[in-house]
């Protein structure tokens, strides 16, 4: 993810101008990084350090999604649908 893509993603999901820490923004950025690392691991099957980092990102995103679901269920449903994230 280059800087332009990241800025565009943050602008799309931020709550207000300058917001980079809200759960929505963090989930979106993590989702794009997870997608990129998944593609990398398809061609580099033995890259275990990247796999470990990917699993950590997936766990962090899962925790943020759980938090968002508790705090604002409508936003949770819209972000899951928009980012095409599989849930249980």
N, C-alpha and C. Protein backbone atom coordinates (compact mmCIF):
# COMPACT_ATOMS: atom_id res chain seq x y z
N UNK A 1 0.86 -1.17 0.00
CA UNK A 1 0.00 0.00 0.00
C UNK A 1 0.90 1.23 0.00
N UNK A 2 0.79 2.01 -1.05
CA UNK A 2 1.60 3.22 -1.09
C UNK A 2 0.89 4.35 -0.35
N UNK A 3 1.56 5.47 -0.24
CA UNK A 3 1.05 6.57 0.58
C UNK A 3 -0.26 7.14 0.02
N UNK A 4 -0.39 7.21 -1.30
CA UNK A 4 -1.60 7.75 -1.91
C UNK A 4 -2.81 6.86 -1.62
N UNK A 5 -2.62 5.54 -1.74
CA UNK A 5 -3.72 4.62 -1.45
C UNK A 5 -4.13 4.69 0.01
N UNK A 6 -3.14 4.79 0.89
CA UNK A 6 -3.44 4.86 2.32
C UNK A 6 -4.19 6.14 2.66
N UNK A 7 -3.76 7.25 2.09
CA UNK A 7 -4.44 8.54 2.32
C UNK A 7 -5.87 8.49 1.82
N UNK A 8 -6.08 7.88 0.67
CA UNK A 8 -7.41 7.76 0.09
C UNK A 8 -8.31 6.90 0.99
N UNK A 9 -7.76 5.80 1.49
CA UNK A 9 -8.52 4.91 2.38
C UNK A 9 -8.88 5.62 3.67
N UNK A 10 -7.92 6.33 4.24
CA UNK A 10 -8.18 7.06 5.49
C UNK A 10 -9.25 8.12 5.26
N UNK A 11 -9.18 8.84 4.15
CA UNK A 11 -10.16 9.89 3.86
C UNK A 11 -11.57 9.31 3.71
N UNK A 12 -11.66 8.11 3.16
CA UNK A 12 -12.97 7.49 2.94
C UNK A 12 -13.64 7.08 4.25
N UNK A 13 -12.86 6.60 5.22
CA UNK A 13 -13.45 6.02 6.43
C UNK A 13 -13.33 6.90 7.67
N UNK A 14 -12.68 8.06 7.59
CA UNK A 14 -12.51 8.88 8.79
C UNK A 14 -13.83 9.51 9.21
N UNK A 15 -13.96 9.72 10.51
CA UNK A 15 -15.17 10.33 11.07
C UNK A 15 -15.19 11.84 10.87
N UNK A 16 -14.00 12.44 10.98
CA UNK A 16 -13.86 13.89 10.80
C UNK A 16 -12.49 14.15 10.21
N UNK A 17 -12.24 15.36 9.82
CA UNK A 17 -10.96 15.72 9.20
C UNK A 17 -9.81 15.45 10.16
N UNK A 18 -8.78 14.76 9.70
CA UNK A 18 -7.61 14.48 10.52
C UNK A 18 -7.72 13.23 11.37
N UNK A 19 -8.82 12.49 11.25
CA UNK A 19 -9.04 11.29 12.05
C UNK A 19 -8.29 10.11 11.44
N UNK A 20 -7.33 9.56 12.17
CA UNK A 20 -6.62 8.38 11.69
C UNK A 20 -6.69 7.24 12.69
N UNK A 21 -7.27 7.46 13.85
CA UNK A 21 -7.24 6.46 14.89
C UNK A 21 -8.57 5.80 15.18
N UNK A 22 -9.64 6.21 14.52
CA UNK A 22 -10.92 5.59 14.80
C UNK A 22 -10.90 4.13 14.34
N UNK A 23 -11.72 3.29 14.96
CA UNK A 23 -11.72 1.87 14.60
C UNK A 23 -12.01 1.64 13.11
N UNK A 24 -12.87 2.46 12.53
CA UNK A 24 -13.21 2.29 11.12
C UNK A 24 -11.98 2.45 10.23
N UNK A 25 -11.19 3.48 10.50
CA UNK A 25 -9.98 3.74 9.71
C UNK A 25 -8.97 2.63 9.94
N UNK A 26 -8.76 2.23 11.18
CA UNK A 26 -7.80 1.19 11.48
C UNK A 26 -8.19 -0.13 10.81
N UNK A 27 -9.48 -0.47 10.83
CA UNK A 27 -9.95 -1.70 10.21
C UNK A 27 -9.72 -1.65 8.70
N UNK A 28 -10.01 -0.52 8.08
CA UNK A 28 -9.84 -0.39 6.63
C UNK A 28 -8.37 -0.52 6.23
N UNK A 29 -7.48 0.15 6.94
CA UNK A 29 -6.05 0.09 6.62
C UNK A 29 -5.53 -1.33 6.84
N UNK A 30 -5.93 -1.96 7.95
CA UNK A 30 -5.49 -3.33 8.20
C UNK A 30 -6.01 -4.28 7.12
N UNK A 31 -7.23 -4.07 6.66
CA UNK A 31 -7.79 -4.94 5.63
C UNK A 31 -6.98 -4.88 4.35
N UNK A 32 -6.59 -3.68 3.94
CA UNK A 32 -5.80 -3.57 2.72
C UNK A 32 -4.40 -4.17 2.90
N UNK A 33 -3.81 -4.01 4.06
CA UNK A 33 -2.50 -4.62 4.31
C UNK A 33 -2.61 -6.14 4.36
N UNK A 34 -3.69 -6.65 4.96
CA UNK A 34 -3.90 -8.10 5.02
C UNK A 34 -4.06 -8.67 3.62
N UNK A 35 -4.78 -7.97 2.76
CA UNK A 35 -4.96 -8.41 1.38
C UNK A 35 -3.63 -8.49 0.64
N UNK A 36 -2.81 -7.47 0.82
CA UNK A 36 -1.49 -7.46 0.16
C UNK A 36 -0.60 -8.59 0.67
N UNK A 37 -0.58 -8.81 1.98
CA UNK A 37 0.26 -9.86 2.53
C UNK A 37 -0.24 -11.25 2.13
N UNK A 38 -1.54 -11.39 1.99
CA UNK A 38 -2.09 -12.68 1.55
C UNK A 38 -1.62 -13.00 0.15
N UNK A 39 -1.63 -12.01 -0.73
CA UNK A 39 -1.11 -12.21 -2.09
C UNK A 39 0.37 -12.54 -2.07
N UNK A 40 1.13 -11.87 -1.22
CA UNK A 40 2.57 -12.14 -1.10
C UNK A 40 2.81 -13.59 -0.67
N UNK A 41 2.01 -14.06 0.30
CA UNK A 41 2.22 -15.40 0.82
C UNK A 41 1.77 -16.49 -0.16
N UNK A 42 0.92 -16.14 -1.10
CA UNK A 42 0.54 -17.13 -2.12
C UNK A 42 1.74 -17.51 -2.98
N UNK A 43 2.63 -16.56 -3.23
CA UNK A 43 3.79 -16.84 -4.06
C UNK A 43 5.04 -17.16 -3.24
N UNK A 44 5.03 -16.85 -1.95
CA UNK A 44 6.17 -17.11 -1.07
C UNK A 44 5.71 -17.95 0.13
N UNK A 45 5.45 -19.20 -0.11
CA UNK A 45 4.82 -20.06 0.88
C UNK A 45 5.66 -20.29 2.14
N UNK A 46 6.96 -20.15 2.03
CA UNK A 46 7.83 -20.44 3.18
C UNK A 46 8.22 -19.21 3.99
N UNK A 47 7.62 -18.08 3.71
CA UNK A 47 7.93 -16.84 4.40
C UNK A 47 7.17 -16.80 5.73
N UNK A 48 7.74 -17.47 6.73
CA UNK A 48 7.03 -17.62 8.00
C UNK A 48 7.01 -16.36 8.83
N UNK A 49 7.99 -15.48 8.70
CA UNK A 49 7.96 -14.24 9.48
C UNK A 49 6.83 -13.33 9.00
N UNK A 50 6.59 -13.31 7.69
CA UNK A 50 5.47 -12.54 7.17
C UNK A 50 4.15 -13.16 7.59
N UNK A 51 4.10 -14.48 7.60
CA UNK A 51 2.88 -15.18 8.03
C UNK A 51 2.54 -14.83 9.48
N UNK A 52 3.57 -14.75 10.32
CA UNK A 52 3.35 -14.41 11.72
C UNK A 52 2.80 -12.98 11.85
N UNK A 53 3.36 -12.06 11.08
CA UNK A 53 2.86 -10.70 11.09
C UNK A 53 1.44 -10.60 10.58
N UNK A 54 1.14 -11.40 9.56
CA UNK A 54 -0.22 -11.42 9.00
C UNK A 54 -1.21 -11.90 10.05
N UNK A 55 -0.87 -12.95 10.77
CA UNK A 55 -1.77 -13.47 11.80
C UNK A 55 -1.99 -12.44 12.91
N UNK A 56 -0.96 -11.68 13.24
CA UNK A 56 -1.10 -10.63 14.26
C UNK A 56 -2.05 -9.54 13.76
N UNK A 57 -1.93 -9.18 12.48
CA UNK A 57 -2.83 -8.15 11.91
C UNK A 57 -4.27 -8.63 11.88
N UNK A 58 -4.47 -9.89 11.53
CA UNK A 58 -5.82 -10.45 11.50
C UNK A 58 -6.42 -10.43 12.90
N UNK A 59 -5.62 -10.78 13.91
CA UNK A 59 -6.11 -10.77 15.29
C UNK A 59 -6.45 -9.36 15.74
N UNK A 60 -5.61 -8.38 15.39
CA UNK A 60 -5.87 -6.99 15.76
C UNK A 60 -7.15 -6.49 15.09
N UNK A 61 -7.33 -6.83 13.80
CA UNK A 61 -8.55 -6.42 13.10
C UNK A 61 -9.78 -7.06 13.73
N UNK A 62 -9.67 -8.33 14.12
CA UNK A 62 -10.79 -9.02 14.75
C UNK A 62 -11.19 -8.33 16.05
N UNK A 63 -10.20 -7.92 16.85
CA UNK A 63 -10.49 -7.22 18.11
C UNK A 63 -11.16 -5.88 17.85
N UNK A 64 -10.68 -5.15 16.84
CA UNK A 64 -11.30 -3.86 16.49
C UNK A 64 -12.73 -4.05 16.00
N UNK A 65 -12.96 -5.10 15.22
CA UNK A 65 -14.31 -5.38 14.74
C UNK A 65 -15.25 -5.73 15.89
N UNK A 66 -14.76 -6.50 16.85
CA UNK A 66 -15.57 -6.84 18.02
C UNK A 66 -15.93 -5.58 18.80
N UNK A 67 -14.95 -4.71 18.99
CA UNK A 67 -15.20 -3.45 19.70
C UNK A 67 -16.23 -2.60 18.96
N UNK A 68 -16.06 -2.48 17.64
CA UNK A 68 -16.97 -1.66 16.85
C UNK A 68 -18.38 -2.25 16.89
N UNK A 69 -18.49 -3.57 16.88
CA UNK A 69 -19.80 -4.21 16.94
C UNK A 69 -20.51 -3.87 18.25
N UNK A 70 -19.76 -3.83 19.35
CA UNK A 70 -20.35 -3.50 20.65
C UNK A 70 -20.75 -2.03 20.72
N UNK A 71 -19.92 -1.15 20.16
CA UNK A 71 -20.15 0.28 20.28
C UNK A 71 -21.18 0.82 19.29
N UNK A 72 -21.10 0.37 18.04
CA UNK A 72 -21.98 0.91 17.00
C UNK A 72 -22.25 -0.18 15.96
N UNK A 73 -23.32 -0.93 16.16
CA UNK A 73 -23.60 -2.10 15.33
C UNK A 73 -23.87 -1.73 13.87
N UNK A 74 -24.53 -0.60 13.63
CA UNK A 74 -24.84 -0.20 12.25
C UNK A 74 -23.56 0.10 11.47
N UNK A 75 -22.63 0.80 12.10
CA UNK A 75 -21.35 1.10 11.47
C UNK A 75 -20.57 -0.18 11.22
N UNK A 76 -20.62 -1.10 12.18
CA UNK A 76 -19.97 -2.40 12.04
C UNK A 76 -20.48 -3.12 10.80
N UNK A 77 -21.79 -3.19 10.67
CA UNK A 77 -22.38 -3.90 9.52
C UNK A 77 -22.01 -3.22 8.20
N UNK A 78 -22.01 -1.90 8.17
CA UNK A 78 -21.69 -1.20 6.93
C UNK A 78 -20.22 -1.38 6.54
N UNK A 79 -19.31 -1.36 7.51
CA UNK A 79 -17.89 -1.50 7.18
C UNK A 79 -17.57 -2.93 6.76
N UNK A 80 -18.21 -3.92 7.40
CA UNK A 80 -18.00 -5.32 7.01
C UNK A 80 -18.50 -5.55 5.58
N UNK A 81 -19.64 -4.96 5.26
CA UNK A 81 -20.19 -5.11 3.91
C UNK A 81 -19.32 -4.38 2.89
N UNK A 82 -18.89 -3.17 3.22
CA UNK A 82 -18.12 -2.35 2.29
C UNK A 82 -16.74 -2.95 2.01
N UNK A 83 -16.10 -3.50 3.04
CA UNK A 83 -14.76 -4.07 2.88
C UNK A 83 -14.78 -5.55 2.51
N UNK A 84 -15.99 -6.12 2.45
CA UNK A 84 -16.18 -7.54 2.11
C UNK A 84 -15.39 -8.45 3.05
N UNK A 85 -15.58 -8.22 4.35
CA UNK A 85 -14.91 -9.03 5.36
C UNK A 85 -15.85 -10.16 5.75
N UNK A 86 -15.31 -11.38 5.75
CA UNK A 86 -16.11 -12.52 6.19
C UNK A 86 -16.21 -12.49 7.71
N UNK A 87 -17.40 -12.74 8.22
CA UNK A 87 -17.59 -12.84 9.65
C UNK A 87 -18.16 -14.23 9.93
N UNK A 88 -17.80 -14.76 11.02
CA UNK A 88 -18.13 -16.13 11.43
C UNK A 88 -19.00 -16.82 10.45
